[in-house]
C-alpha cells in the first residue's frame, strides 16, 4: 500500500476552490464563495456536533424522554 505524504495531503486540503451560483437566464453571478476542503470539513463537522448536542439536550431536559422506549 502506498504511503501518503503528509505535506501533500495538507496541501490538497488547503487548495482553494470557487463555488459560483449563477442566474440561468442571464448568466449573471448571483453569489460566489471561495472554499477549501478543510473549511467545508470543519463547517460540516461543527453542524453535526451542534445538531447532536441539541438533540441530546432536547431529550434529556424535556418530557420527551418519557415517551421514548428504553
N, C-alpha and C. Protein backbone atom coordinates (compact mmCIF):
# COMPACT_ATOMS: atom_id res chain seq x y z
N UNK A 1 0.84 -1.17 0.00
CA UNK A 1 0.00 0.00 0.00
C UNK A 1 0.89 1.24 0.00
N UNK A 2 0.56 2.22 -0.82
CA UNK A 2 1.37 3.42 -0.95
C UNK A 2 1.22 4.30 0.28
N UNK A 3 2.34 4.87 0.69
CA UNK A 3 2.34 5.75 1.87
C UNK A 3 1.96 7.16 1.43
N UNK A 4 1.01 7.76 2.12
CA UNK A 4 0.57 9.12 1.81
C UNK A 4 1.54 10.13 2.41
N UNK A 5 1.92 11.11 1.62
CA UNK A 5 2.78 12.18 2.11
C UNK A 5 1.92 13.17 2.88
N UNK A 6 2.29 13.44 4.12
CA UNK A 6 1.50 14.34 4.97
C UNK A 6 1.44 15.74 4.40
N UNK A 7 2.55 16.19 3.82
CA UNK A 7 2.60 17.54 3.27
C UNK A 7 1.65 17.68 2.08
N UNK A 8 1.61 16.68 1.20
CA UNK A 8 0.73 16.78 0.03
C UNK A 8 -0.74 16.67 0.44
N UNK A 9 -1.04 15.87 1.47
CA UNK A 9 -2.41 15.76 1.94
C UNK A 9 -2.89 17.09 2.51
N UNK A 10 -2.06 17.73 3.32
CA UNK A 10 -2.41 19.03 3.89
C UNK A 10 -2.53 20.08 2.79
N UNK A 11 -1.66 20.01 1.82
CA UNK A 11 -1.72 20.96 0.71
C UNK A 11 -3.00 20.78 -0.09
N UNK A 12 -3.41 19.52 -0.30
CA UNK A 12 -4.64 19.24 -1.03
C UNK A 12 -5.86 19.74 -0.25
N UNK A 13 -5.82 19.64 1.09
CA UNK A 13 -6.93 20.13 1.90
C UNK A 13 -7.04 21.65 1.87
N UNK A 14 -5.91 22.32 1.67
CA UNK A 14 -5.91 23.79 1.70
C UNK A 14 -6.08 24.44 0.33
N UNK A 15 -6.16 23.66 -0.74
CA UNK A 15 -6.39 24.23 -2.07
C UNK A 15 -7.70 24.99 -2.06
N UNK A 16 -7.70 26.14 -2.72
CA UNK A 16 -8.89 26.99 -2.76
C UNK A 16 -9.71 26.69 -4.01
N UNK A 17 -11.02 26.66 -3.85
CA UNK A 17 -11.96 26.45 -4.93
C UNK A 17 -12.99 27.56 -4.90
N UNK A 18 -13.60 27.81 -6.05
CA UNK A 18 -14.64 28.83 -6.12
C UNK A 18 -15.96 28.17 -6.47
N UNK A 19 -16.98 28.46 -5.65
CA UNK A 19 -18.33 27.98 -5.89
C UNK A 19 -19.17 29.18 -6.32
N UNK A 20 -19.71 29.11 -7.53
CA UNK A 20 -20.45 30.24 -8.09
C UNK A 20 -21.89 29.80 -8.36
N UNK A 21 -22.85 30.60 -7.89
CA UNK A 21 -24.26 30.38 -8.19
C UNK A 21 -24.65 31.43 -9.22
N UNK A 22 -25.16 30.94 -10.36
CA UNK A 22 -25.45 31.85 -11.47
C UNK A 22 -26.94 31.83 -11.82
N UNK A 23 -27.43 32.96 -12.29
CA UNK A 23 -28.78 33.07 -12.81
C UNK A 23 -28.81 32.37 -14.17
N UNK A 24 -29.72 31.42 -14.34
CA UNK A 24 -29.74 30.62 -15.57
C UNK A 24 -30.13 31.43 -16.80
N UNK A 25 -30.96 32.41 -16.64
CA UNK A 25 -31.43 33.19 -17.79
C UNK A 25 -30.39 34.20 -18.28
N UNK A 26 -29.74 34.90 -17.35
CA UNK A 26 -28.83 35.97 -17.74
C UNK A 26 -27.36 35.61 -17.56
N UNK A 27 -27.08 34.45 -17.01
CA UNK A 27 -25.70 34.02 -16.70
C UNK A 27 -24.97 35.02 -15.80
N UNK A 28 -25.75 35.70 -14.99
CA UNK A 28 -25.18 36.65 -14.04
C UNK A 28 -24.82 35.91 -12.76
N UNK A 29 -23.67 36.24 -12.19
CA UNK A 29 -23.26 35.63 -10.93
C UNK A 29 -24.11 36.19 -9.80
N UNK A 30 -24.84 35.33 -9.14
CA UNK A 30 -25.68 35.77 -8.03
C UNK A 30 -24.84 35.84 -6.76
N UNK A 31 -24.09 34.80 -6.50
CA UNK A 31 -23.23 34.78 -5.32
C UNK A 31 -22.04 33.86 -5.61
N UNK A 32 -20.90 34.16 -5.01
CA UNK A 32 -19.74 33.29 -5.17
C UNK A 32 -19.04 33.12 -3.83
N UNK A 33 -18.50 31.93 -3.64
CA UNK A 33 -17.81 31.58 -2.40
C UNK A 33 -16.43 31.05 -2.74
N UNK A 34 -15.46 31.36 -1.90
CA UNK A 34 -14.13 30.76 -2.00
C UNK A 34 -14.01 29.77 -0.86
N UNK A 35 -13.85 28.50 -1.21
CA UNK A 35 -13.86 27.43 -0.22
C UNK A 35 -12.61 26.57 -0.37
N UNK A 36 -12.30 25.89 0.71
CA UNK A 36 -11.29 24.84 0.66
C UNK A 36 -11.92 23.58 1.24
N UNK A 37 -11.32 22.44 0.97
CA UNK A 37 -11.86 21.20 1.50
C UNK A 37 -11.82 21.20 3.03
N UNK A 38 -10.79 21.81 3.59
CA UNK A 38 -10.65 21.86 5.04
C UNK A 38 -11.77 22.70 5.66
N UNK A 39 -12.09 23.83 5.07
CA UNK A 39 -13.14 24.69 5.63
C UNK A 39 -14.51 24.01 5.53
N UNK A 40 -14.76 23.32 4.43
CA UNK A 40 -16.03 22.60 4.28
C UNK A 40 -16.12 21.49 5.31
N UNK A 41 -15.03 20.76 5.53
CA UNK A 41 -15.00 19.69 6.52
C UNK A 41 -15.25 20.24 7.92
N UNK A 42 -14.64 21.35 8.26
CA UNK A 42 -14.81 21.95 9.59
C UNK A 42 -16.25 22.42 9.79
N UNK A 43 -16.84 23.05 8.79
CA UNK A 43 -18.22 23.54 8.91
C UNK A 43 -19.20 22.38 9.04
N UNK A 44 -19.03 21.34 8.22
CA UNK A 44 -19.93 20.19 8.29
C UNK A 44 -19.79 19.45 9.63
N UNK A 45 -18.58 19.32 10.13
CA UNK A 45 -18.36 18.67 11.42
C UNK A 45 -18.99 19.48 12.55
N UNK A 46 -18.85 20.79 12.49
CA UNK A 46 -19.43 21.66 13.51
C UNK A 46 -20.95 21.57 13.52
N UNK A 47 -21.55 21.57 12.34
CA UNK A 47 -23.01 21.44 12.25
C UNK A 47 -23.46 20.11 12.84
N UNK A 48 -22.74 19.03 12.53
CA UNK A 48 -23.09 17.72 13.07
C UNK A 48 -23.01 17.70 14.59
N UNK A 49 -21.97 18.28 15.17
CA UNK A 49 -21.81 18.30 16.63
C UNK A 49 -22.91 19.14 17.27
N UNK A 50 -23.22 20.29 16.70
CA UNK A 50 -24.27 21.15 17.27
C UNK A 50 -25.63 20.47 17.22
N UNK A 51 -25.95 19.83 16.09
CA UNK A 51 -27.23 19.12 15.99
C UNK A 51 -27.31 17.96 16.96
N UNK A 52 -26.21 17.25 17.15
CA UNK A 52 -26.19 16.15 18.11
C UNK A 52 -26.40 16.65 19.53
N UNK A 53 -25.72 17.73 19.89
CA UNK A 53 -25.88 18.30 21.23
C UNK A 53 -27.30 18.80 21.45
N UNK A 54 -27.89 19.46 20.46
CA UNK A 54 -29.26 19.95 20.60
C UNK A 54 -30.26 18.81 20.73
N UNK A 55 -30.04 17.72 19.99
CA UNK A 55 -30.94 16.58 20.10
C UNK A 55 -30.85 15.93 21.47
N UNK A 56 -29.64 15.74 21.97
CA UNK A 56 -29.48 15.14 23.29
C UNK A 56 -30.06 16.05 24.36
N UNK A 57 -29.85 17.35 24.25
CA UNK A 57 -30.41 18.29 25.22
C UNK A 57 -31.93 18.28 25.18
N UNK A 58 -32.50 18.17 24.00
CA UNK A 58 -33.96 18.12 23.87
C UNK A 58 -34.52 16.88 24.56
N UNK A 59 -33.85 15.77 24.41
CA UNK A 59 -34.33 14.53 25.02
C UNK A 59 -34.13 14.55 26.53
N UNK A 60 -33.00 15.03 27.01
CA UNK A 60 -32.67 14.98 28.43
C UNK A 60 -33.47 15.99 29.25
N UNK A 61 -33.65 17.19 28.73
CA UNK A 61 -34.22 18.27 29.54
C UNK A 61 -35.70 18.54 29.28
N UNK A 62 -36.37 17.71 28.50
CA UNK A 62 -37.80 17.91 28.25
C UNK A 62 -38.55 16.61 28.56
N UNK A 63 -39.86 16.68 28.67
CA UNK A 63 -40.64 15.46 28.95
C UNK A 63 -40.66 14.45 27.80
N UNK A 64 -40.00 14.74 26.70
CA UNK A 64 -39.96 13.78 25.59
C UNK A 64 -39.31 12.47 26.02
N UNK A 65 -38.40 12.52 26.99
CA UNK A 65 -37.69 11.31 27.41
C UNK A 65 -38.64 10.24 27.97
N UNK A 66 -39.82 10.65 28.45
CA UNK A 66 -40.77 9.68 29.00
C UNK A 66 -41.51 8.92 27.88
N UNK A 67 -41.52 9.46 26.68
CA UNK A 67 -42.21 8.83 25.56
C UNK A 67 -41.30 7.92 24.73
N UNK A 68 -39.98 8.00 24.96
CA UNK A 68 -39.05 7.18 24.21
C UNK A 68 -38.80 5.86 24.95
N UNK A 69 -38.79 4.76 24.22
CA UNK A 69 -38.54 3.47 24.88
C UNK A 69 -37.08 3.34 25.33
N UNK A 70 -36.88 2.65 26.41
CA UNK A 70 -35.52 2.40 26.89
C UNK A 70 -35.09 3.50 27.76
